[in-house]
Amino acid sequence: MDFVSVRVITHDVERLATFWERVTGLRATRPVPVFAELRTPAGTIAIGSPATVGMLGDAAPVPGHNRSVFIELLVDDVDATRERVRALVPQTVPEIVLEPTDMPWGNRSMILRDPDGGLVNLFTPVTPEAKARYGL
């Protein structure tokens, strides 16, 4: 089994796709107005409107109600990424929930909030053990 993607359901696909483009520096593909995706070497961040999960009825995810999941991205330098994110056009600067901080498990992490309130952890392994976990 291979991990392929995570999908975030939102009422505003374009706004969330633009957020992810600005944070990651990747270009989203938008094959239809209700769906976009950003492909990374490790997997895809997919963004869909409620229409993409309508067949699930009451079991469908509710946009803007994620209170239990982080999307986590390994970056080369979390401090440089912070500066790049802070330099975005003022209306697109995401809320920084946690400034770059050294974690006890060896990563340096910065946590953002996406426009729908979801949490995004951008991190860089900094200890030898953490780097080894990621083959660095």
C-alpha atoms as a PDB file:
ATOM      1  CA  MET A   1       0.000   0.000   0.000  1.00  0.00           C
ATOM      2  CA  ASP A   2       1.285   3.468  -0.889  1.00  0.00           C
ATOM      3  CA  PHE A   3       0.148   6.824   0.425  1.00  0.00           C
ATOM      4  CA  VAL A   4      -1.114   8.885  -2.524  1.00  0.00           C
ATOM      5  CA  SER A   5      -2.956  11.970  -1.319  1.00  0.00           C
ATOM      6  CA  VAL A   6      -4.899  13.870   1.254  1.00  0.00           C
ATOM      7  CA  ARG A   7      -8.043  15.721   0.186  1.00  0.00           C
ATOM      8  CA  VAL A   8      -9.374  18.831   1.867  1.00  0.00           C
ATOM      9  CA  ILE A   9     -13.021  19.700   1.313  1.00  0.00           C
ATOM     10  CA  THR A  10     -13.776  23.410   1.096  1.00  0.00           C
ATOM     11  CA  HIS A  11     -16.524  25.765  -0.016  1.00  0.00           C
ATOM     12  CA  ASP A  12     -13.905  27.819  -1.923  1.00  0.00           C
ATOM     13  CA  VAL A  13     -11.619  25.596  -4.004  1.00  0.00           C
ATOM     14  CA  GLU A  14      -9.909  28.528  -5.711  1.00  0.00           C
ATOM     15  CA  ARG A  15      -9.066  30.305  -2.444  1.00  0.00           C
ATOM     16  CA  LEU A  16      -7.625  27.160  -0.846  1.00  0.00           C
ATOM     17  CA  ALA A  17      -5.716  26.150  -3.996  1.00  0.00           C
ATOM     18  CA  THR A  18      -4.193  29.636  -4.144  1.00  0.00           C
ATOM     19  CA  PHE A  19      -3.206  29.374  -0.458  1.00  0.00           C
ATOM     20  CA  TRP A  20      -1.411  26.073  -1.103  1.00  0.00           C
ATOM     21  CA  GLU A  21       0.305  27.455  -4.206  1.00  0.00           C
ATOM     22  CA  ARG A  22       1.651  30.401  -2.241  1.00  0.00           C
ATOM     23  CA  VAL A  23       2.790  28.362   0.755  1.00  0.00           C
ATOM     24  CA  THR A  24       4.415  25.549  -1.239  1.00  0.00           C
ATOM     25  CA  GLY A  25       5.562  27.380  -4.354  1.00  0.00           C
ATOM     26  CA  LEU A  26       3.946  24.583  -6.401  1.00  0.00           C
ATOM     27  CA  ARG A  27       1.404  25.093  -9.164  1.00  0.00           C
ATOM     28  CA  ALA A  28      -2.042  23.538  -8.673  1.00  0.00           C
ATOM     29  CA  THR A  29      -3.813  21.869 -11.547  1.00  0.00           C
ATOM     30  CA  ARG A  30      -7.516  22.622 -11.809  1.00  0.00           C
ATOM     31  CA  PRO A  31      -9.106  20.055 -14.127  1.00  0.00           C
ATOM     32  CA  VAL A  32     -12.622  21.210 -13.162  1.00  0.00           C
ATOM     33  CA  PRO A  33     -13.907  24.113 -11.021  1.00  0.00           C
ATOM     34  CA  VAL A  34     -14.756  21.814  -8.089  1.00  0.00           C
ATOM     35  CA  PHE A  35     -11.310  20.183  -7.811  1.00  0.00           C
ATOM     36  CA  ALA A  36      -7.636  21.143  -7.710  1.00  0.00           C
ATOM     37  CA  GLU A  37      -4.458  19.329  -6.744  1.00  0.00           C
ATOM     38  CA  LEU A  38      -0.816  20.017  -6.003  1.00  0.00           C
ATOM     39  CA  ARG A  39       1.542  17.133  -6.652  1.00  0.00           C
ATOM     40  CA  THR A  40       4.636  16.714  -4.517  1.00  0.00           C
ATOM     41  CA  PRO A  41       7.250  13.960  -4.829  1.00  0.00           C
ATOM     42  CA  ALA A  42       5.711  12.227  -1.782  1.00  0.00           C
ATOM     43  CA  GLY A  43       1.998  12.665  -2.505  1.00  0.00           C
ATOM     44  CA  THR A  44      -0.756  15.002  -3.579  1.00  0.00           C
ATOM     45  CA  ILE A  45      -2.669  17.692  -1.743  1.00  0.00           C
ATOM     46  CA  ALA A  46      -6.133  17.532  -3.288  1.00  0.00           C
ATOM     47  CA  ILE A  47      -8.757  20.223  -2.790  1.00  0.00           C
ATOM     48  CA  GLY A  48     -12.388  19.532  -3.522  1.00  0.00           C
ATOM     49  CA  SER A  49     -15.742  21.178  -3.106  1.00  0.00           C
ATOM     50  CA  PRO A  50     -18.581  19.424  -1.272  1.00  0.00           C
ATOM     51  CA  ALA A  51     -19.853  18.355  -4.710  1.00  0.00           C
ATOM     52  CA  THR A  52     -16.901  15.933  -4.962  1.00  0.00           C
ATOM     53  CA  VAL A  53     -18.146  13.979  -1.939  1.00  0.00           C
ATOM     54  CA  GLY A  54     -21.898  14.471  -2.335  1.00  0.00           C
ATOM     55  CA  MET A  55     -22.463  10.756  -2.823  1.00  0.00           C
ATOM     56  CA  LEU A  56     -21.458  10.222   0.828  1.00  0.00           C
ATOM     57  CA  GLY A  57     -24.577  11.979   2.089  1.00  0.00           C
ATOM     58  CA  ASP A  58     -24.483  12.585   5.844  1.00  0.00           C
ATOM     59  CA  ALA A  59     -21.074  10.868   6.068  1.00  0.00           C
ATOM     60  CA  ALA A  60     -19.436  13.533   3.871  1.00  0.00           C
ATOM     61  CA  PRO A  61     -16.746  15.739   5.416  1.00  0.00           C
ATOM     62  CA  VAL A  62     -17.901  19.206   6.470  1.00  0.00           C
ATOM     63  CA  PRO A  63     -15.784  22.081   5.072  1.00  0.00           C
ATOM     64  CA  GLY A  64     -13.992  24.225   7.615  1.00  0.00           C
ATOM     65  CA  HIS A  65     -14.520  21.820  10.527  1.00  0.00           C
ATOM     66  CA  ASN A  66     -11.174  20.013  10.697  1.00  0.00           C
ATOM     67  CA  ARG A  67     -10.133  19.913  14.348  1.00  0.00           C
ATOM     68  CA  SER A  68      -7.934  16.808  14.385  1.00  0.00           C
ATOM     69  CA  VAL A  69      -5.558  16.671  11.391  1.00  0.00           C
ATOM     70  CA  PHE A  70      -2.369  18.474  10.403  1.00  0.00           C
ATOM     71  CA  ILE A  71      -1.048  18.482   6.868  1.00  0.00           C
ATOM     72  CA  GLU A  72       2.710  18.259   7.314  1.00  0.00           C
ATOM     73  CA  LEU A  73       5.340  19.218   4.771  1.00  0.00           C
ATOM     74  CA  LEU A  74       9.080  18.730   5.044  1.00  0.00           C
ATOM     75  CA  VAL A  75      10.923  21.856   3.893  1.00  0.00           C
ATOM     76  CA  ASP A  76      14.640  22.503   3.399  1.00  0.00           C
ATOM     77  CA  ASP A  77      14.764  25.374   5.892  1.00  0.00           C
ATOM     78  CA  VAL A  78      11.746  26.232   8.023  1.00  0.00           C
ATOM     79  CA  ASP A  79      13.165  29.627   9.015  1.00  0.00           C
ATOM     80  CA  ALA A  80      13.694  30.641   5.374  1.00  0.00           C
ATOM     81  CA  THR A  81      10.198  29.341   4.586  1.00  0.00           C
ATOM     82  CA  ARG A  82       8.810  31.537   7.377  1.00  0.00           C
ATOM     83  CA  GLU A  83      10.422  34.599   5.816  1.00  0.00           C
ATOM     84  CA  ARG A  84       9.050  33.679   2.383  1.00  0.00           C
ATOM     85  CA  VAL A  85       5.550  33.156   3.794  1.00  0.00           C
ATOM     86  CA  ARG A  86       5.689  36.440   5.739  1.00  0.00           C
ATOM     87  CA  ALA A  87       6.657  38.278   2.535  1.00  0.00           C
ATOM     88  CA  LEU A  88       3.499  37.202   0.697  1.00  0.00           C
ATOM     89  CA  VAL A  89       0.981  39.827  -0.349  1.00  0.00           C
ATOM     90  CA  PRO A  90      -0.572  41.034   2.953  1.00  0.00           C
ATOM     91  CA  GLN A  91      -4.051  39.664   2.307  1.00  0.00           C
ATOM     92  CA  THR A  92      -2.636  36.191   1.597  1.00  0.00           C
ATOM     93  CA  VAL A  93      -0.253  35.856   4.555  1.00  0.00           C
ATOM     94  CA  PRO A  94      -1.523  32.860   6.508  1.00  0.00           C
ATOM     95  CA  GLU A  95      -1.996  32.972  10.255  1.00  0.00           C
ATOM     96  CA  ILE A  96       1.120  31.666  11.960  1.00  0.00           C
ATOM     97  CA  VAL A  97      -0.053  29.611  14.940  1.00  0.00           C
ATOM     98  CA  LEU A  98       3.452  28.618  16.051  1.00  0.00           C
ATOM     99  CA  GLU A  99       6.620  30.439  15.048  1.00  0.00           C
ATOM    100  CA  PRO A 100       9.574  28.174  14.168  1.00  0.00           C
ATOM    101  CA  THR A 101      10.207  26.086  17.261  1.00  0.00           C
ATOM    102  CA  ASP A 102      12.531  23.179  18.048  1.00  0.00           C
ATOM    103  CA  MET A 103      10.458  20.106  18.926  1.00  0.00           C
ATOM    104  CA  PRO A 104      11.645  17.409  21.350  1.00  0.00           C
ATOM    105  CA  TRP A 105      11.628  14.779  18.551  1.00  0.00           C
ATOM    106  CA  GLY A 106      14.250  16.677  16.552  1.00  0.00           C
ATOM    107  CA  ASN A 107      12.262  18.752  14.080  1.00  0.00           C
ATOM    108  CA  ARG A 108      12.072  22.529  13.829  1.00  0.00           C
ATOM    109  CA  SER A 109       8.417  23.298  13.071  1.00  0.00           C
ATOM    110  CA  MET A 110       6.242  26.231  12.105  1.00  0.00           C
ATOM    111  CA  ILE A 111       2.482  25.802  12.186  1.00  0.00           C
ATOM    112  CA  LEU A 112       0.132  27.803   9.954  1.00  0.00           C
ATOM    113  CA  ARG A 113      -3.626  27.916   9.653  1.00  0.00           C
ATOM    114  CA  ASP A 114      -5.118  27.636   6.169  1.00  0.00           C
ATOM    115  CA  PRO A 115      -8.047  29.888   5.124  1.00  0.00           C
ATOM    116  CA  ASP A 116     -10.557  27.236   6.266  1.00  0.00           C
ATOM    117  CA  GLY A 117      -8.898  26.884   9.678  1.00  0.00           C
ATOM    118  CA  GLY A 118      -6.921  23.698   8.955  1.00  0.00           C
ATOM    119  CA  LEU A 119      -3.468  23.306  10.457  1.00  0.00           C
ATOM    120  CA  VAL A 120      -0.309  23.040   8.361  1.00  0.00           C
ATOM    121  CA  ASN A 121       3.013  22.008   9.875  1.00  0.00           C
ATOM    122  CA  LEU A 122       6.090  23.026   7.887  1.00  0.00           C
ATOM    123  CA  PHE A 123       9.140  21.377   9.392  1.00  0.00           C
ATOM    124  CA  THR A 124      12.847  20.709   8.981  1.00  0.00           C
ATOM    125  CA  PRO A 125      14.631  17.834  10.741  1.00  0.00           C
ATOM    126  CA  VAL A 126      17.533  19.344  12.697  1.00  0.00           C
ATOM    127  CA  THR A 127      18.980  16.599  14.908  1.00  0.00           C
ATOM    128  CA  PRO A 128      21.002  13.694  13.500  1.00  0.00           C
ATOM    129  CA  GLU A 129      18.255  11.262  14.569  1.00  0.00           C
ATOM    130  CA  ALA A 130      15.500  13.268  12.909  1.00  0.00           C
ATOM    131  CA  LYS A 131      17.530  13.670   9.726  1.00  0.00           C
ATOM    132  CA  ALA A 132      18.138   9.896   9.666  1.00  0.00           C
ATOM    133  CA  ARG A 133      14.367   9.249   9.888  1.00  0.00           C
ATOM    134  CA  TYR A 134      13.953  11.163   6.630  1.00  0.00           C
ATOM    135  CA  GLY A 135      17.053   9.842   4.923  1.00  0.00           C
ATOM    136  CA  LEU A 136      18.843  13.204   5.137  1.00  0.00           C
END
